[in-house]
Amino acid sequence: MQVSPIDYRYGRDEAKEIWSRNGRHSRLLEVERALVWAHCKMGKVSAEHYDKIADISDPGIVTAERVDELEKETKHDIMALTKAMAEVAGDAGWCIHLGATSNDIVDSAVALQIRDSIRLQRITMTELLRVLCDISERYRDTVMLGRTHGQAAVPITFGLKVAVWVDEFRRHLVRLDEMEKRCITGKFLGAVGTGAALGPSALELQQLIMSELGLEIPVATTQVVGRDRYIEWVGWMANVSSSIEKVLQEIRNLQRTEIGEVAEAFDVKKQVGSSTMAHKKNPITSENACGLARIIRSMIMPSYENALLWHERDLANSSSERFTLSHSMILLDDIIVKCTSVMKNLVINREQMKINLENQRGLIMAEKVMLELVDRGVSRDVAHEILREASMNTIENQSNLKSECKNNQIIKEKISEDEIDRMFNPLSHIGLSGEIVDNAIKLANNYISN
């Protein structure tokens, strides 16, 4: 019986495999194998016995189903695993789990899951960043209405709007690379982190195991890896989910009927927007991803609480982490890919952007005129009041700010009509937008390349 929507509705197989029952099981076997390999390297286990353990450390031989059967008896998942391995290991069974505690195996296996997750995240994030760079470059000089407080503000370019996202996702990639080593750290120092059960060469043994697995080596641990590492990764995922929701929320807003400047692609031959309103073309992928982003962010609180274990450890974190790590990663992977698809196929209506600019009746150029007056000797307070009054008249009379400016005595004394005409071209007030876009794209492309 499938209960979780992750089972039947959300998430890609590539992400689910890492955190699936078999994904966890295969990595637990890999850690048990690496432990015996390290003992073999240090002369405690024969090559023959290691080879036997390596042969049976296969989820096709030691199956997850058999481990589940044994766990019903032992009430302990790692003891069930070692029993299942011993059943098929023959004489080599003596060296399974030698000197280890359960969380040596579990936390190192989770580190492998996080490592493989980060590799996948780097691929999907890079693809999204490339798509955003392409859009920002193509629409570098496409002027549109900038908005603050949901109201018309001053002109901006669509390229600059996207360049802000470009640099944000570049920073997310930088963060991912910076924290990777901290987040893919395993541990192998036994029950309370002393290494006593592993002998006087415990640190060397731990180093061998971590190196064999491709994991980072901790400086000091209790029975568990410090959960600050998991908090950092889940926090990163929550951060990225917020950025994705911010991008897709903007797409949803710009697709509003009364704005209509961009839109999700819509298959007019097959796609249905509403079961009753046949004309609807809804931004359903963006809405879907925004909803999932909220679930990802909700995982942050239990992640913090999972760090609060009694003494050298308790088990209160274990069940919770089976949700926080897996669900955050699978859902984030899902919404990164959805965001990439939305942006790659985005419909951009330049003509509607132009219409929306014109519909403001010149009001968005008030700042431009005010600053010009200041440059020509009018105090800023006076210039601001002149433009404020002219703007209020424009709104009340349903007129045009350009006409109001041409009829204002102080403005006429300072600025000619031809100059006013030129000033009311939105392109005259986009500042260094193009240069900012170029810089953002260059930084992003250089980071991806390196």
Protein backbone atom coordinates (compact mmCIF):
# COMPACT_ATOMS: atom_id res chain seq x y z
CA MET A 1 0.00 0.00 0.00
CA GLN A 2 1.40 3.39 -1.01
CA VAL A 3 0.68 6.22 1.41
CA SER A 4 3.29 8.93 0.86
CA PRO A 5 2.83 11.12 -2.26
CA ILE A 6 6.58 10.66 -2.75
CA ASP A 7 5.79 7.03 -3.58
CA TYR A 8 3.39 7.78 -6.39
CA ARG A 9 3.42 11.47 -7.29
CA TYR A 10 6.58 13.45 -6.51
CA GLY A 11 10.28 12.92 -7.03
CA ARG A 12 12.58 11.44 -9.64
CA ASP A 13 13.85 7.88 -9.56
CA GLU A 14 17.48 9.08 -9.45
CA ALA A 15 16.86 10.83 -6.14
CA LYS A 16 14.55 8.18 -4.71
CA GLU A 17 17.08 5.42 -5.37
CA ILE A 18 19.62 7.05 -3.06
CA TRP A 19 17.16 7.18 -0.15
CA SER A 20 15.15 4.04 -0.90
CA ARG A 21 15.18 0.93 1.28
CA ASN A 22 17.61 -0.72 -1.11
CA GLY A 23 19.66 2.47 -1.42
CA ARG A 24 20.20 2.53 2.33
CA HIS A 25 20.72 -1.23 2.53
CA SER A 26 23.37 -1.37 -0.20
CA ARG A 27 25.33 1.44 1.44
CA LEU A 28 25.18 -0.24 4.86
CA LEU A 29 26.67 -3.35 3.26
CA GLU A 30 29.35 -1.22 1.63
CA VAL A 31 30.35 0.24 5.00
CA GLU A 32 30.48 -3.22 6.64
CA ARG A 33 32.69 -4.38 3.77
CA ALA A 34 35.01 -1.36 4.13
CA LEU A 35 35.44 -2.14 7.85
CA VAL A 36 36.63 -5.67 7.10
CA TRP A 37 38.83 -4.35 4.28
CA ALA A 38 40.53 -1.97 6.71
CA HIS A 39 41.08 -4.78 9.24
CA CYS A 40 42.60 -6.82 6.41
CA LYS A 41 44.93 -3.97 5.47
CA MET A 42 46.09 -3.80 9.08
CA GLY A 43 46.66 -7.56 9.26
CA LYS A 44 43.82 -8.55 11.56
CA VAL A 45 41.70 -10.28 8.88
CA SER A 46 43.06 -12.60 6.20
CA ALA A 47 42.72 -11.72 2.52
CA GLU A 48 40.69 -14.91 2.05
CA HIS A 49 38.14 -13.90 4.66
CA TYR A 50 37.97 -10.35 3.33
CA ASP A 51 37.31 -11.67 -0.17
CA LYS A 52 34.42 -13.72 1.19
CA ILE A 53 32.94 -10.68 2.96
CA ALA A 54 33.38 -8.60 -0.19
CA ASP A 55 31.54 -11.27 -2.20
CA ILE A 56 28.55 -11.41 0.09
CA SER A 57 28.30 -7.62 0.65
CA ASP A 58 25.85 -7.55 -2.21
CA PRO A 59 22.16 -6.63 -1.82
CA GLY A 60 21.37 -9.49 -4.18
CA ILE A 61 22.94 -11.96 -1.72
CA VAL A 62 22.23 -10.34 1.65
CA THR A 63 18.80 -9.00 0.81
CA ALA A 64 16.91 -6.20 2.48
CA GLU A 65 13.98 -8.57 2.81
CA ARG A 66 16.03 -11.02 4.87
CA VAL A 67 17.27 -8.21 7.10
CA ASP A 68 13.67 -7.09 7.65
CA GLU A 69 12.71 -10.64 8.66
CA LEU A 70 15.52 -10.80 11.21
CA GLU A 71 14.74 -7.33 12.56
CA LYS A 72 11.29 -8.57 13.59
CA GLU A 73 13.14 -10.90 15.96
CA THR A 74 16.07 -8.74 17.06
CA LYS A 75 14.20 -5.41 17.18
CA HIS A 76 17.53 -3.94 16.02
CA ASP A 77 18.22 -3.11 12.38
CA ILE A 78 22.03 -3.33 12.38
CA MET A 79 22.10 -6.57 14.38
CA ALA A 80 19.67 -7.94 11.82
CA LEU A 81 22.05 -6.83 9.07
CA THR A 82 25.07 -8.49 10.63
CA LYS A 83 23.13 -11.70 11.28
CA ALA A 84 22.00 -11.78 7.65
CA MET A 85 25.60 -11.32 6.52
CA ALA A 86 26.87 -14.02 8.89
CA GLU A 87 24.34 -16.49 7.53
CA VAL A 88 26.10 -16.52 4.16
CA ALA A 89 29.66 -15.65 5.21
CA GLY A 90 30.67 -19.08 6.52
CA ASP A 91 33.99 -19.11 8.38
CA ALA A 92 34.52 -15.44 7.55
CA GLY A 93 31.52 -14.42 9.63
CA TRP A 94 33.66 -13.80 12.71
CA CYS A 95 35.04 -10.53 11.34
CA ILE A 96 31.75 -8.90 10.41
CA HIS A 97 31.12 -5.66 12.35
CA LEU A 98 34.38 -6.23 14.25
CA GLY A 99 34.88 -3.48 16.84
CA ALA A 100 32.07 -1.35 15.46
CA THR A 101 28.96 0.13 16.99
CA SER A 102 25.75 0.50 15.03
CA ASN A 103 26.16 4.17 14.29
CA ASP A 104 29.62 3.64 12.87
CA ILE A 105 27.77 1.81 10.14
CA VAL A 106 24.62 3.94 9.99
CA ASP A 107 26.22 7.40 10.01
CA SER A 108 28.86 6.38 7.48
CA ALA A 109 26.15 4.97 5.21
CA VAL A 110 24.15 8.20 5.57
CA ALA A 111 27.30 10.13 4.63
CA LEU A 112 27.42 8.05 1.43
CA GLN A 113 23.79 8.93 0.76
CA ILE A 114 24.51 12.61 1.32
CA ARG A 115 27.60 12.43 -0.90
CA ASP A 116 25.62 10.90 -3.76
CA SER A 117 22.81 13.38 -3.18
CA ILE A 118 25.17 16.35 -3.38
CA ARG A 119 26.62 15.02 -6.62
CA LEU A 120 23.13 14.93 -8.09
CA GLN A 121 22.29 18.34 -6.67
CA ARG A 122 25.37 19.86 -8.22
CA ILE A 123 24.29 18.57 -11.65
CA THR A 124 20.70 19.84 -11.42
CA MET A 125 21.69 23.19 -9.90
CA THR A 126 24.28 23.76 -12.62
CA GLU A 127 21.69 23.05 -15.30
CA LEU A 128 19.24 25.51 -13.73
CA LEU A 129 21.97 28.14 -13.49
CA ARG A 130 22.86 27.68 -17.17
CA VAL A 131 19.21 28.18 -18.16
CA LEU A 132 18.93 31.35 -16.06
CA CYS A 133 22.15 32.72 -17.57
CA ASP A 134 20.79 32.13 -21.06
CA ILE A 135 17.52 33.96 -20.30
CA SER A 136 19.30 36.86 -18.62
CA GLU A 137 21.62 37.26 -21.60
CA ARG A 138 18.83 37.05 -24.20
CA TYR A 139 16.67 39.61 -22.42
CA ARG A 140 19.55 41.79 -21.22
CA ASP A 141 18.03 44.97 -22.67
CA THR A 142 14.32 44.11 -22.66
CA VAL A 143 12.69 46.93 -20.71
CA MET A 144 9.76 46.18 -18.45
CA LEU A 145 7.99 47.66 -15.47
CA GLY A 146 9.79 47.37 -12.17
CA ARG A 147 7.48 46.94 -9.20
CA THR A 148 7.77 47.51 -5.45
CA HIS A 149 5.00 46.87 -2.90
CA GLY A 150 3.03 45.38 -5.80
CA GLN A 151 2.93 48.84 -7.42
CA ALA A 152 4.57 50.31 -10.48
CA ALA A 153 8.00 51.68 -9.58
CA VAL A 154 10.57 52.52 -12.29
CA PRO A 155 11.79 50.70 -15.41
CA ILE A 156 13.92 47.58 -15.12
CA THR A 157 15.03 45.01 -17.67
CA PHE A 158 13.90 41.42 -17.65
CA GLY A 159 17.55 40.49 -17.99
CA LEU A 160 18.36 42.24 -14.73
CA LYS A 161 15.43 40.61 -12.94
CA VAL A 162 16.80 37.20 -13.94
CA ALA A 163 20.42 38.23 -13.25
CA VAL A 164 19.46 38.66 -9.59
CA TRP A 165 18.39 35.00 -9.62
CA VAL A 166 21.53 33.99 -11.52
CA ASP A 167 23.78 35.36 -8.80
CA GLU A 168 21.63 33.87 -6.04
CA PHE A 169 21.88 30.36 -7.48
CA ARG A 170 25.61 30.84 -8.09
CA ARG A 171 25.94 31.56 -4.38
CA HIS A 172 23.99 28.39 -3.61
CA LEU A 173 26.46 26.39 -5.70
CA VAL A 174 29.37 28.03 -3.89
CA ARG A 175 27.78 27.13 -0.55
CA LEU A 176 27.26 23.54 -1.68
CA ASP A 177 30.91 23.17 -2.64
CA GLU A 178 32.12 24.83 0.57
CA MET A 179 30.06 22.64 2.88
CA GLU A 180 30.37 19.31 1.04
CA LYS A 181 33.32 18.04 3.08
CA ARG A 182 31.61 18.87 6.35
CA CYS A 183 28.43 17.10 5.29
CA ILE A 184 29.95 13.88 3.92
CA THR A 185 31.84 12.95 7.08
CA GLY A 186 31.49 9.44 8.48
CA LYS A 187 32.81 8.03 11.75
CA PHE A 188 34.34 4.82 13.13
CA LEU A 189 35.36 5.20 16.74
CA GLY A 190 32.90 2.93 18.48
CA ALA A 191 30.31 3.25 21.19
CA VAL A 192 31.15 6.66 22.69
CA GLY A 193 33.79 7.87 20.27
CA THR A 194 36.92 6.68 22.12
CA GLY A 195 37.93 3.99 19.66
CA ALA A 196 38.58 1.60 22.56
CA ALA A 197 36.91 -1.40 20.91
CA LEU A 198 39.01 -0.91 17.79
CA GLY A 199 42.34 -1.07 19.54
CA PRO A 200 45.37 1.24 19.70
CA SER A 201 45.30 1.79 15.93
CA ALA A 202 41.67 2.95 15.90
CA LEU A 203 42.43 6.30 14.30
CA GLU A 204 44.42 4.63 11.53
CA LEU A 205 41.61 2.13 11.02
CA GLN A 206 39.04 4.94 10.81
CA GLN A 207 41.19 6.76 8.26
CA LEU A 208 41.45 3.64 6.12
CA ILE A 209 37.68 3.08 6.19
CA MET A 210 36.81 6.69 5.37
CA SER A 211 39.35 6.82 2.56
CA GLU A 212 38.04 3.56 1.11
CA LEU A 213 34.49 4.94 1.15
CA GLY A 214 35.46 8.39 -0.16
CA LEU A 215 34.26 10.15 2.99
CA GLU A 216 35.77 12.82 5.19
CA ILE A 217 37.42 11.93 8.51
CA PRO A 218 36.04 13.50 11.71
CA VAL A 219 38.28 15.06 14.33
CA ALA A 220 36.15 13.96 17.29
CA THR A 221 32.72 12.37 17.65
CA THR A 222 30.46 10.84 20.25
CA GLN A 223 28.70 7.66 19.17
CA VAL A 224 27.27 9.69 16.31
CA VAL A 225 28.46 12.19 13.76
CA GLY A 226 27.67 15.73 14.91
CA ARG A 227 24.24 16.66 13.63
CA ASP A 228 25.40 20.20 12.89
CA ARG A 229 26.52 18.63 9.60
CA TYR A 230 23.01 17.48 8.78
CA ILE A 231 21.55 20.82 9.87
CA GLU A 232 23.88 22.60 7.46
CA TRP A 233 22.80 20.44 4.54
CA VAL A 234 19.08 20.57 5.32
CA GLY A 235 19.45 24.31 5.89
CA TRP A 236 21.05 24.64 2.45
CA MET A 237 18.17 22.73 0.92
CA ALA A 238 15.66 24.95 2.71
CA ASN A 239 17.55 28.00 1.44
CA VAL A 240 17.51 26.75 -2.15
CA SER A 241 13.81 25.90 -1.89
CA SER A 242 13.12 29.50 -0.86
CA SER A 243 15.00 30.80 -3.90
CA ILE A 244 13.10 28.48 -6.20
CA GLU A 245 9.78 29.52 -4.70
CA LYS A 246 10.79 33.18 -5.06
CA VAL A 247 11.54 32.70 -8.76
CA LEU A 248 8.39 30.72 -9.49
CA GLN A 249 6.21 33.01 -7.40
CA GLU A 250 7.42 35.87 -9.59
CA ILE A 251 6.57 33.87 -12.71
CA ARG A 252 3.09 33.22 -11.28
CA ASN A 253 2.61 36.93 -10.55
CA LEU A 254 3.82 38.03 -13.96
CA GLN A 255 1.41 35.50 -15.53
CA ARG A 256 -1.57 37.14 -13.82
CA THR A 257 -4.23 38.09 -16.37
CA GLU A 258 -3.86 41.81 -15.67
CA ILE A 259 -0.06 41.64 -16.11
CA GLY A 260 0.53 38.92 -18.72
CA GLU A 261 4.25 39.53 -19.26
CA VAL A 262 5.50 35.95 -18.92
CA ALA A 263 3.83 32.56 -18.69
CA GLU A 264 4.50 28.89 -18.26
CA ALA A 265 4.39 26.98 -21.53
CA PHE A 266 0.95 25.49 -22.18
CA ASP A 267 0.11 22.64 -24.56
CA VAL A 268 -2.96 24.11 -26.25
CA LYS A 269 -3.75 20.81 -28.01
CA LYS A 270 -3.92 18.62 -24.90
CA GLN A 271 -3.48 20.51 -21.65
CA VAL A 272 -6.48 21.45 -19.50
CA GLY A 273 -6.42 24.48 -17.21
CA SER A 274 -9.71 23.93 -15.41
CA SER A 275 -12.42 21.30 -15.25
CA THR A 276 -15.06 23.98 -15.67
CA MET A 277 -13.39 27.17 -16.97
CA ALA A 278 -12.25 26.08 -20.40
CA HIS A 279 -10.24 29.24 -21.06
CA LYS A 280 -7.84 28.81 -18.14
CA LYS A 281 -4.06 28.45 -18.60
CA ASN A 282 -2.78 28.08 -15.06
CA PRO A 283 0.89 28.09 -13.88
CA ILE A 284 0.44 24.65 -12.34
CA THR A 285 4.09 23.53 -12.33
CA SER A 286 5.18 26.69 -10.56
CA GLU A 287 2.36 26.34 -8.03
CA ASN A 288 3.24 22.69 -7.47
CA ALA A 289 6.90 23.50 -6.83
CA CYS A 290 6.06 26.41 -4.52
CA GLY A 291 3.93 24.10 -2.39
CA LEU A 292 6.68 21.49 -2.14
CA ALA A 293 9.24 24.17 -1.23
CA ARG A 294 7.22 24.81 1.93
CA ILE A 295 7.49 21.15 2.92
CA ILE A 296 11.26 21.26 2.44
CA ARG A 297 11.60 24.31 4.68
CA SER A 298 9.48 22.61 7.34
CA MET A 299 12.25 20.01 7.76
CA ILE A 300 14.57 22.57 9.29
CA MET A 301 13.02 22.55 12.78
CA PRO A 302 13.21 18.78 13.39
CA SER A 303 16.76 18.87 12.01
CA TYR A 304 17.77 21.28 14.76
CA GLU A 305 15.99 19.19 17.36
CA ASN A 306 17.76 16.04 16.14
CA ALA A 307 21.05 17.54 17.31
CA LEU A 308 19.86 17.56 20.93
CA LEU A 309 20.78 14.04 21.98
CA TRP A 310 21.36 12.88 25.57
CA HIS A 311 25.00 12.51 26.61
CA GLU A 312 26.96 10.59 23.92
CA ARG A 313 23.73 9.71 22.11
CA ASP A 314 20.16 8.54 22.28
CA LEU A 315 17.84 7.27 19.57
CA ALA A 316 15.33 10.14 19.38
CA ASN A 317 16.88 11.42 16.16
CA SER A 318 16.81 8.18 14.19
CA SER A 319 13.18 7.95 13.15
CA SER A 320 12.98 11.68 12.49
CA GLU A 321 16.04 11.68 10.24
CA ARG A 322 14.51 9.02 8.02
CA PHE A 323 12.10 11.79 7.00
CA THR A 324 14.14 14.98 7.21
CA LEU A 325 17.08 13.91 5.06
CA SER A 326 15.29 11.78 2.48
CA HIS A 327 12.21 13.93 1.97
CA SER A 328 14.16 17.19 1.80
CA MET A 329 16.51 15.81 -0.82
CA ILE A 330 13.91 14.06 -2.98
CA LEU A 331 11.54 17.03 -2.98
CA LEU A 332 14.30 19.57 -3.61
CA ASP A 333 15.53 17.54 -6.56
CA ASP A 334 11.95 17.51 -7.84
CA ILE A 335 11.48 21.28 -7.65
CA ILE A 336 14.91 22.13 -9.07
CA VAL A 337 14.07 20.08 -12.16
CA LYS A 338 10.59 21.62 -12.36
CA CYS A 339 11.98 25.13 -12.06
CA THR A 340 14.50 24.39 -14.81
CA SER A 341 11.70 23.14 -17.06
CA VAL A 342 9.50 26.18 -16.40
CA MET A 343 12.34 28.60 -17.11
CA LYS A 344 13.63 26.73 -20.16
CA ASN A 345 10.17 26.85 -21.77
CA LEU A 346 9.10 30.25 -20.45
CA VAL A 347 6.87 32.32 -22.74
CA ILE A 348 7.99 35.96 -22.63
CA ASN A 349 5.67 38.64 -24.03
CA ARG A 350 7.79 41.68 -24.90
CA GLU A 351 4.81 43.47 -26.42
CA GLN A 352 2.80 43.19 -23.21
CA MET A 353 5.77 44.49 -21.26
CA LYS A 354 5.75 47.55 -23.53
CA ILE A 355 2.00 48.00 -23.16
CA ASN A 356 2.23 47.83 -19.37
CA LEU A 357 4.93 50.50 -19.43
CA GLU A 358 2.80 52.77 -21.59
CA ASN A 359 -0.25 52.20 -19.41
CA GLN A 360 1.52 53.94 -16.55
CA ARG A 361 1.03 57.26 -18.38
CA GLY A 362 4.60 58.35 -17.70
CA LEU A 363 4.35 58.08 -13.91
CA ILE A 364 7.29 55.67 -13.73
CA MET A 365 9.57 58.46 -14.99
CA ALA A 366 8.86 60.80 -12.06
CA GLU A 367 12.16 59.87 -10.42
CA LYS A 368 14.05 60.63 -13.63
CA VAL A 369 12.57 64.13 -13.91
CA MET A 370 13.06 64.83 -10.20
CA LEU A 371 16.75 63.95 -10.37
CA GLU A 372 17.20 66.07 -13.49
CA LEU A 373 15.72 69.06 -11.67
CA VAL A 374 18.15 68.52 -8.80
CA ASP A 375 21.04 68.41 -11.26
CA ARG A 376 19.86 71.77 -12.59
CA GLY A 377 19.85 73.52 -9.25
CA VAL A 378 16.48 72.75 -7.68
CA SER A 379 16.69 71.46 -4.10
CA ARG A 380 15.75 67.81 -3.73
CA ASP A 381 12.81 68.48 -1.41
CA VAL A 382 11.35 71.03 -3.78
CA ALA A 383 11.93 68.80 -6.82
CA HIS A 384 10.29 65.86 -5.04
CA GLU A 385 7.21 67.95 -4.15
CA ILE A 386 6.89 69.23 -7.73
CA LEU A 387 6.88 65.66 -9.09
CA ARG A 388 4.66 64.36 -6.31
CA GLU A 389 2.06 67.03 -7.05
CA ALA A 390 2.32 66.47 -10.79
CA SER A 391 1.94 62.71 -10.28
CA MET A 392 -1.14 63.09 -8.08
CA ASN A 393 -2.69 65.37 -10.73
CA THR A 394 -1.91 62.76 -13.39
CA ILE A 395 -3.63 60.04 -11.38
CA GLU A 396 -6.65 62.21 -10.50
CA ASN A 397 -7.13 63.61 -14.01
CA GLN A 398 -6.27 60.38 -15.84
CA SER A 399 -3.77 62.45 -17.80
CA ASN A 400 -0.08 61.88 -18.60
CA LEU A 401 2.86 62.90 -16.44
CA LYS A 402 4.77 64.14 -19.47
CA SER A 403 2.01 66.65 -20.22
CA GLU A 404 1.84 67.70 -16.56
CA CYS A 405 5.61 68.29 -16.61
CA LYS A 406 5.44 70.36 -19.78
CA ASN A 407 2.78 72.54 -18.15
CA ASN A 408 4.68 73.05 -14.89
CA GLN A 409 6.33 76.47 -14.74
CA ILE A 410 9.42 75.48 -12.74
CA ILE A 411 10.05 72.42 -14.92
CA LYS A 412 9.62 74.46 -18.11
CA GLU A 413 12.23 76.92 -16.88
CA LYS A 414 14.77 74.18 -16.27
CA ILE A 415 14.09 71.56 -18.96
CA SER A 416 13.10 72.01 -22.62
CA GLU A 417 10.19 70.12 -24.19
CA ASP A 418 12.54 68.10 -26.40
CA GLU A 419 14.53 67.08 -23.35
CA ILE A 420 11.35 66.09 -21.53
CA ASP A 421 10.32 63.94 -24.49
CA ARG A 422 13.65 62.12 -24.38
CA MET A 423 13.48 61.69 -20.61
CA PHE A 424 10.16 59.87 -20.84
CA ASN A 425 11.72 57.03 -22.82
CA PRO A 426 11.97 54.15 -20.27
CA LEU A 427 15.33 53.18 -21.77
CA SER A 428 16.73 56.45 -20.45
CA HIS A 429 16.32 55.26 -16.85
CA ILE A 430 17.61 51.70 -16.64
CA GLY A 431 21.01 52.75 -15.32
CA LEU A 432 23.75 50.12 -15.52
CA SER A 433 21.36 47.19 -15.93
CA GLY A 434 23.24 45.78 -18.90
CA GLU A 435 26.60 45.92 -17.14
CA ILE A 436 25.15 44.28 -14.02
CA VAL A 437 23.68 41.49 -16.15
CA ASP A 438 27.01 40.92 -17.88
CA ASN A 439 28.86 40.73 -14.57
CA ALA A 440 26.40 38.26 -13.05
CA ILE A 441 26.53 35.99 -16.09
CA LYS A 442 30.32 36.14 -16.27
CA LEU A 443 30.70 35.20 -12.59
CA ALA A 444 28.24 32.33 -12.94
CA ASN A 445 29.79 30.95 -16.11
CA ASN A 446 33.29 31.19 -14.67
CA TYR A 447 32.23 29.30 -11.56
CA ILE A 448 30.51 26.58 -13.59
CA SER A 449 33.56 26.23 -15.86
CA ASN A 450 36.00 26.00 -12.96
